Amino acid sequence: MSTELTYPCSLSLDVPFPDARLANVALQALRVDKELSALVQKELSAVDSTLKVRYKATTNRMLRVAVNSFFDSLALVLEVMEQLDVDVIEARKAEEETG
């Protein structure tokens, strides 16, 4: 009998950013939070201006809990970018002036 866990539940997300630098900033900020449970695996990568997220879990419930936590962390990263990142602030000002 094998003791290796199987991860039948999965979710893949592509989170677009305005540029590759911001996608990499988000990747660096989010990758420090390791999953607390061995029942969940998370893979993060940045490809061009897209943050790629892949979750695998042993149950739908574990997947839901992990993804909810990830979205909370992502929302915080985005809020900090909007408030503090010079490129984001300048882009927002440019949009307001043209729109």
C-alpha atoms as a PDB file:
ATOM      1  CA  MET A   1       0.000   0.000   0.000  1.00  0.00           C
ATOM      2  CA  SER A   2       1.432   3.360  -1.024  1.00  0.00           C
ATOM      3  CA  THR A   3       1.547   6.277   1.399  1.00  0.00           C
ATOM      4  CA  GLU A   4       2.021   8.808  -1.419  1.00  0.00           C
ATOM      5  CA  LEU A   5      -0.730  11.426  -1.565  1.00  0.00           C
ATOM      6  CA  THR A   6      -2.760  11.950  -4.693  1.00  0.00           C
ATOM      7  CA  TYR A   7      -4.010  15.379  -5.685  1.00  0.00           C
ATOM      8  CA  PRO A   8      -7.154  14.902  -7.805  1.00  0.00           C
ATOM      9  CA  CYS A   9      -8.464  18.458  -7.350  1.00  0.00           C
ATOM     10  CA  SER A  10      -6.737  21.264  -9.213  1.00  0.00           C
ATOM     11  CA  LEU A  11      -7.101  24.852 -10.342  1.00  0.00           C
ATOM     12  CA  SER A  12      -4.988  26.892 -12.748  1.00  0.00           C
ATOM     13  CA  LEU A  13      -5.106  30.681 -12.877  1.00  0.00           C
ATOM     14  CA  ASP A  14      -3.502  33.233 -15.180  1.00  0.00           C
ATOM     15  CA  VAL A  15      -3.344  36.657 -13.538  1.00  0.00           C
ATOM     16  CA  PRO A  16      -2.492  39.412 -16.056  1.00  0.00           C
ATOM     17  CA  PHE A  17      -0.401  42.424 -15.062  1.00  0.00           C
ATOM     18  CA  PRO A  18       0.357  45.612 -17.010  1.00  0.00           C
ATOM     19  CA  ASP A  19       3.977  44.516 -17.532  1.00  0.00           C
ATOM     20  CA  ALA A  20       6.455  41.747 -16.759  1.00  0.00           C
ATOM     21  CA  ARG A  21       8.104  43.686 -13.920  1.00  0.00           C
ATOM     22  CA  LEU A  22       4.855  43.868 -11.944  1.00  0.00           C
ATOM     23  CA  ALA A  23       4.146  40.174 -12.568  1.00  0.00           C
ATOM     24  CA  ASN A  24       7.591  39.353 -11.164  1.00  0.00           C
ATOM     25  CA  VAL A  25       7.080  41.639  -8.168  1.00  0.00           C
ATOM     26  CA  ALA A  26       3.830  39.805  -7.396  1.00  0.00           C
ATOM     27  CA  LEU A  27       5.568  36.445  -7.850  1.00  0.00           C
ATOM     28  CA  GLN A  28       8.323  37.372  -5.400  1.00  0.00           C
ATOM     29  CA  ALA A  29       5.819  38.661  -2.846  1.00  0.00           C
ATOM     30  CA  LEU A  30       3.521  35.635  -3.074  1.00  0.00           C
ATOM     31  CA  ARG A  31       6.075  32.840  -3.267  1.00  0.00           C
ATOM     32  CA  VAL A  32       7.295  33.372   0.297  1.00  0.00           C
ATOM     33  CA  ASP A  33       4.006  32.034   1.699  1.00  0.00           C
ATOM     34  CA  LYS A  34       4.373  28.260   1.720  1.00  0.00           C
ATOM     35  CA  GLU A  35       1.314  26.051   1.980  1.00  0.00           C
ATOM     36  CA  LEU A  36       0.632  25.077   5.578  1.00  0.00           C
ATOM     37  CA  SER A  37      -0.784  21.671   4.692  1.00  0.00           C
ATOM     38  CA  ALA A  38       0.828  18.758   2.879  1.00  0.00           C
ATOM     39  CA  LEU A  39      -2.626  18.171   1.402  1.00  0.00           C
ATOM     40  CA  VAL A  40      -2.133  21.175  -0.915  1.00  0.00           C
ATOM     41  CA  GLN A  41       0.559  21.947  -3.485  1.00  0.00           C
ATOM     42  CA  LYS A  42       1.091  25.358  -5.091  1.00  0.00           C
ATOM     43  CA  GLU A  43       3.196  26.313  -8.099  1.00  0.00           C
ATOM     44  CA  LEU A  44       3.796  29.950  -9.041  1.00  0.00           C
ATOM     45  CA  SER A  45       5.615  31.327 -12.071  1.00  0.00           C
ATOM     46  CA  ALA A  46       5.731  34.477 -14.145  1.00  0.00           C
ATOM     47  CA  VAL A  47       5.613  34.309 -17.927  1.00  0.00           C
ATOM     48  CA  ASP A  48       5.944  37.689 -19.581  1.00  0.00           C
ATOM     49  CA  SER A  49       3.312  39.868 -17.884  1.00  0.00           C
ATOM     50  CA  THR A  50       1.250  36.964 -16.522  1.00  0.00           C
ATOM     51  CA  LEU A  51       1.417  35.386 -13.090  1.00  0.00           C
ATOM     52  CA  LYS A  52       0.663  31.682 -13.499  1.00  0.00           C
ATOM     53  CA  VAL A  53      -0.790  29.880 -10.499  1.00  0.00           C
ATOM     54  CA  ARG A  54      -1.422  26.151 -10.191  1.00  0.00           C
ATOM     55  CA  TYR A  55      -3.000  24.553  -7.147  1.00  0.00           C
ATOM     56  CA  LYS A  56      -3.437  20.840  -6.486  1.00  0.00           C
ATOM     57  CA  ALA A  57      -5.185  19.407  -3.443  1.00  0.00           C
ATOM     58  CA  THR A  58      -6.434  16.149  -2.047  1.00  0.00           C
ATOM     59  CA  THR A  59     -10.013  17.429  -1.615  1.00  0.00           C
ATOM     60  CA  ASN A  60     -12.194  20.195  -2.999  1.00  0.00           C
ATOM     61  CA  ARG A  61     -12.448  21.710   0.466  1.00  0.00           C
ATOM     62  CA  MET A  62      -8.672  21.938   0.871  1.00  0.00           C
ATOM     63  CA  LEU A  63      -8.427  23.473  -2.598  1.00  0.00           C
ATOM     64  CA  ARG A  64     -11.096  26.064  -1.780  1.00  0.00           C
ATOM     65  CA  VAL A  65      -9.453  27.069   1.497  1.00  0.00           C
ATOM     66  CA  ALA A  66      -6.018  27.400  -0.125  1.00  0.00           C
ATOM     67  CA  VAL A  67      -7.295  29.390  -3.108  1.00  0.00           C
ATOM     68  CA  ASN A  68      -9.334  31.722  -0.877  1.00  0.00           C
ATOM     69  CA  SER A  69      -6.199  32.439   1.132  1.00  0.00           C
ATOM     70  CA  PHE A  70      -4.230  33.036  -2.068  1.00  0.00           C
ATOM     71  CA  PHE A  71      -6.822  35.542  -3.313  1.00  0.00           C
ATOM     72  CA  ASP A  72      -6.598  37.421  -0.008  1.00  0.00           C
ATOM     73  CA  SER A  73      -2.819  37.640  -0.413  1.00  0.00           C
ATOM     74  CA  LEU A  74      -3.104  38.620  -4.074  1.00  0.00           C
ATOM     75  CA  ALA A  75      -5.584  41.377  -3.211  1.00  0.00           C
ATOM     76  CA  LEU A  76      -3.124  42.780  -0.675  1.00  0.00           C
ATOM     77  CA  VAL A  77      -0.257  42.696  -3.200  1.00  0.00           C
ATOM     78  CA  LEU A  78      -2.406  44.498  -5.782  1.00  0.00           C
ATOM     79  CA  GLU A  79      -3.505  47.113  -3.255  1.00  0.00           C
ATOM     80  CA  VAL A  80       0.095  47.826  -2.274  1.00  0.00           C
ATOM     81  CA  MET A  81       1.068  48.099  -5.944  1.00  0.00           C
ATOM     82  CA  GLU A  82      -1.753  50.562  -6.579  1.00  0.00           C
ATOM     83  CA  GLN A  83      -0.786  52.683  -3.579  1.00  0.00           C
ATOM     84  CA  LEU A  84       3.012  52.571  -3.702  1.00  0.00           C
ATOM     85  CA  ASP A  85       4.362  51.480  -7.084  1.00  0.00           C
ATOM     86  CA  VAL A  86       5.428  54.473  -9.173  1.00  0.00           C
ATOM     87  CA  ASP A  87       4.628  52.815 -12.522  1.00  0.00           C
ATOM     88  CA  VAL A  88       1.113  51.882 -11.424  1.00  0.00           C
ATOM     89  CA  ILE A  89       0.439  55.350 -10.018  1.00  0.00           C
ATOM     90  CA  GLU A  90       1.668  57.030 -13.211  1.00  0.00           C
ATOM     91  CA  ALA A  91      -0.389  54.684 -15.399  1.00  0.00           C
ATOM     92  CA  ARG A  92      -3.504  55.426 -13.332  1.00  0.00           C
ATOM     93  CA  LYS A  93      -2.917  59.186 -13.655  1.00  0.00           C
ATOM     94  CA  ALA A  94      -2.493  58.832 -17.425  1.00  0.00           C
ATOM     95  CA  GLU A  95      -5.766  56.876 -17.655  1.00  0.00           C
ATOM     96  CA  GLU A  96      -7.589  59.527 -15.636  1.00  0.00           C
ATOM     97  CA  GLU A  97      -6.262  62.305 -17.868  1.00  0.00           C
ATOM     98  CA  THR A  98      -7.299  60.553 -21.100  1.00  0.00           C
ATOM     99  CA  GLY A  99     -10.554  59.082 -19.810  1.00  0.00           C
END
